[in-house]
Amino acid sequence: MKDILLVDGYNMVGAWPELRVLKDRDLALARDRLVEYMAEYQAYTGYEVKVIFDAHMVAGIGKHYHNYRVDVIYTKENETADERIERLVLELKQIDTRIHVATSDFTEQSIIFGSGALRKSARELLIEVEVAGKGIEKSVELTRKKRNSTNLPLNEEMIEIFERWRRGER
């Protein structure tokens, strides 16, 4: 079963505390940070992620690009993110695909739920992103320990010397 997550971008930016504060200083940076979080989430969960931003916050001609393997979509000028999400749900819905929509807009949740998609609030997605981040940290730490492991009893000084040699340093 394939899982696709459609994210109402500005809804998350306005709902997540870190991004809300960042938005007041630099909206583009808040958008970029959201896309980074979604890339980590995508890598950790295996979901295909699409982040949709309304054109009313930027001059919109309907851009679509990939950033960190995440689809980032800016709606056309007179199109809302909700309208684009509703259309995407209908386009992407297949027998072997589960569509999840992340938004805290209650009306939008009702509409997409009626279309067969699963709903996820901004708070739920934030919690899942935090769990994914911790999982990634744990995985990196295990990889680091595994890389440094050996059957020989070595002290920290010897490990550091061997690591410098491995890197070609003296």
Protein backbone atom coordinates (compact mmCIF):
# COMPACT_ATOMS: atom_id res chain seq x y z
CA MET A 1 0.00 0.00 0.00
CA LYS A 2 1.36 3.41 -1.01
CA ASP A 3 0.91 6.33 1.39
CA ILE A 4 0.77 9.94 0.19
CA LEU A 5 0.69 12.89 2.57
CA LEU A 6 -0.71 16.21 1.33
CA VAL A 7 0.25 19.09 3.61
CA ASP A 8 -1.49 22.47 3.74
CA GLY A 9 1.76 24.42 4.04
CA TYR A 10 0.61 27.74 5.48
CA ASN A 11 -1.72 25.91 7.85
CA MET A 12 1.33 24.15 9.36
CA VAL A 13 3.41 27.35 9.35
CA GLY A 14 0.65 29.09 11.31
CA ALA A 15 0.08 26.20 13.71
CA TRP A 16 3.58 24.96 14.61
CA PRO A 17 5.13 27.19 17.30
CA GLU A 18 8.65 27.29 15.82
CA LEU A 19 7.42 28.07 12.31
CA ARG A 20 4.88 30.64 13.53
CA VAL A 21 7.67 32.64 15.22
CA LEU A 22 9.93 32.22 12.19
CA LYS A 23 7.15 33.36 9.83
CA ASP A 24 7.01 36.77 11.51
CA ARG A 25 10.70 37.35 10.71
CA ASP A 26 11.09 35.52 7.38
CA LEU A 27 8.19 33.75 5.67
CA ALA A 28 10.43 32.12 3.03
CA LEU A 29 12.64 30.65 5.75
CA ALA A 30 9.58 29.28 7.58
CA ARG A 31 8.41 27.62 4.34
CA ASP A 32 11.87 26.16 3.72
CA ARG A 33 12.06 24.82 7.28
CA LEU A 34 8.67 23.13 6.86
CA VAL A 35 9.88 21.47 3.65
CA GLU A 36 13.03 20.27 5.48
CA TYR A 37 10.89 18.75 8.24
CA MET A 38 8.69 17.08 5.63
CA ALA A 39 11.77 15.66 3.86
CA GLU A 40 12.93 14.06 7.10
CA TYR A 41 9.42 12.75 7.73
CA GLN A 42 9.26 11.34 4.20
CA ALA A 43 12.64 9.62 4.57
CA TYR A 44 11.66 8.13 7.92
CA THR A 45 8.10 7.00 7.10
CA GLY A 46 8.38 6.19 3.40
CA TYR A 47 5.35 8.39 2.65
CA GLU A 48 5.34 10.44 -0.54
CA VAL A 49 4.94 14.04 0.66
CA LYS A 50 3.46 17.01 -1.20
CA VAL A 51 3.40 20.44 0.45
CA ILE A 52 0.86 22.87 -0.97
CA PHE A 53 1.13 26.64 -0.44
CA ASP A 54 -1.53 29.22 -1.30
CA ALA A 55 -0.59 31.76 -3.97
CA HIS A 56 -2.01 34.64 -1.91
CA MET A 57 1.19 34.76 0.18
CA VAL A 58 3.49 34.86 -2.87
CA ALA A 59 3.03 35.98 -6.45
CA GLY A 60 1.51 32.78 -7.76
CA ILE A 61 1.59 31.37 -11.26
CA GLY A 62 1.19 27.80 -10.15
CA LYS A 63 4.76 26.63 -9.53
CA HIS A 64 5.63 23.03 -8.79
CA TYR A 65 9.12 21.83 -7.89
CA HIS A 66 11.01 19.22 -5.90
CA ASN A 67 13.00 20.20 -2.84
CA TYR A 68 14.70 17.45 -0.81
CA ARG A 69 12.57 14.98 -2.84
CA VAL A 70 9.41 16.61 -1.52
CA ASP A 71 6.89 17.96 -4.03
CA VAL A 72 6.34 21.65 -3.29
CA ILE A 73 3.31 23.15 -5.02
CA TYR A 74 2.30 26.81 -5.16
CA THR A 75 -1.30 27.24 -6.28
CA LYS A 76 -2.36 29.46 -9.16
CA GLU A 77 -3.35 33.02 -8.35
CA ASN A 78 -7.08 32.47 -7.76
CA GLU A 79 -6.77 28.95 -6.36
CA THR A 80 -6.55 28.10 -2.67
CA ALA A 81 -4.46 25.33 -1.16
CA ASP A 82 -7.72 23.69 -0.05
CA GLU A 83 -8.99 23.58 -3.64
CA ARG A 84 -5.71 22.11 -4.91
CA ILE A 85 -5.66 19.53 -2.10
CA GLU A 86 -9.26 18.47 -2.88
CA ARG A 87 -8.33 18.05 -6.55
CA LEU A 88 -5.16 16.10 -5.68
CA VAL A 89 -7.12 13.75 -3.43
CA LEU A 90 -9.40 12.88 -6.35
CA GLU A 91 -6.49 12.57 -8.82
CA LEU A 92 -4.25 10.44 -6.59
CA LYS A 93 -6.89 8.17 -5.05
CA GLN A 94 -6.41 4.57 -6.17
CA ILE A 95 -7.19 1.17 -4.72
CA ASP A 96 -3.58 0.68 -3.56
CA THR A 97 -3.03 4.23 -2.29
CA ARG A 98 -3.89 5.84 1.04
CA ILE A 99 -4.12 9.62 0.97
CA HIS A 100 -3.49 11.53 4.20
CA VAL A 101 -4.20 15.25 4.41
CA ALA A 102 -2.58 17.41 7.09
CA THR A 103 -4.65 20.48 7.90
CA SER A 104 -6.35 21.92 10.95
CA ASP A 105 -9.06 23.54 8.84
CA PHE A 106 -12.16 21.68 10.08
CA THR A 107 -14.20 22.34 6.93
CA GLU A 108 -11.38 21.03 4.76
CA GLN A 109 -11.00 17.97 7.00
CA SER A 110 -14.69 17.15 6.49
CA ILE A 111 -14.49 17.55 2.72
CA ILE A 112 -11.38 15.42 2.26
CA PHE A 113 -12.66 12.78 4.67
CA GLY A 114 -15.80 12.57 2.55
CA SER A 115 -13.58 12.08 -0.52
CA GLY A 116 -11.93 9.04 1.07
CA ALA A 117 -8.73 10.61 2.40
CA LEU A 118 -7.51 10.32 5.98
CA ARG A 119 -7.20 13.51 7.97
CA LYS A 120 -4.39 14.61 10.23
CA SER A 121 -4.33 17.80 12.29
CA ALA A 122 -1.35 20.15 12.40
CA ARG A 123 -0.68 19.04 15.97
CA GLU A 124 -0.77 15.34 15.05
CA LEU A 125 1.67 15.91 12.20
CA LEU A 126 3.99 17.93 14.45
CA ILE A 127 4.07 15.05 16.97
CA GLU A 128 4.80 12.55 14.17
CA VAL A 129 7.59 14.81 12.82
CA GLU A 130 9.13 15.01 16.30
CA VAL A 131 8.96 11.21 16.67
CA ALA A 132 10.56 10.82 13.24
CA GLY A 133 13.34 13.23 14.24
CA LYS A 134 14.08 11.21 17.37
CA GLY A 135 14.05 8.00 15.34
CA ILE A 136 16.52 9.48 12.87
CA GLU A 137 18.80 10.62 15.70
CA LYS A 138 18.72 7.15 17.25
CA SER A 139 19.49 5.53 13.88
CA VAL A 140 22.43 7.88 13.28
CA GLU A 141 23.79 7.15 16.76
CA LEU A 142 23.53 3.38 16.24
CA THR A 143 25.32 3.71 12.90
CA ARG A 144 28.04 5.80 14.51
CA LYS A 145 28.52 3.23 17.30
CA LYS A 146 28.53 0.36 14.83
CA ARG A 147 31.14 2.12 12.68
CA ASN A 148 33.39 2.65 15.69
CA SER A 149 32.97 -0.86 17.04
CA THR A 150 35.74 -3.40 16.94
CA ASN A 151 36.49 -6.64 18.68
CA LEU A 152 39.78 -5.24 19.92
CA PRO A 153 39.77 -3.44 23.25
CA LEU A 154 40.84 0.12 22.34
CA ASN A 155 40.88 3.23 24.47
CA GLU A 156 39.52 6.56 23.20
CA GLU A 157 43.02 7.84 22.34
CA MET A 158 43.73 4.86 20.07
CA ILE A 159 40.33 5.17 18.39
CA GLU A 160 41.08 8.83 17.67
CA ILE A 161 44.50 7.98 16.20
CA PHE A 162 43.03 5.29 13.95
CA GLU A 163 40.28 7.67 12.85
CA ARG A 164 42.86 10.33 11.86
CA TRP A 165 44.79 7.68 9.89
CA ARG A 166 41.60 6.59 8.16
CA ARG A 167 40.98 10.17 7.07
CA GLY A 168 44.58 10.51 5.83
CA GLU A 169 45.56 12.93 8.58
CA ARG A 170 48.73 12.63 10.60
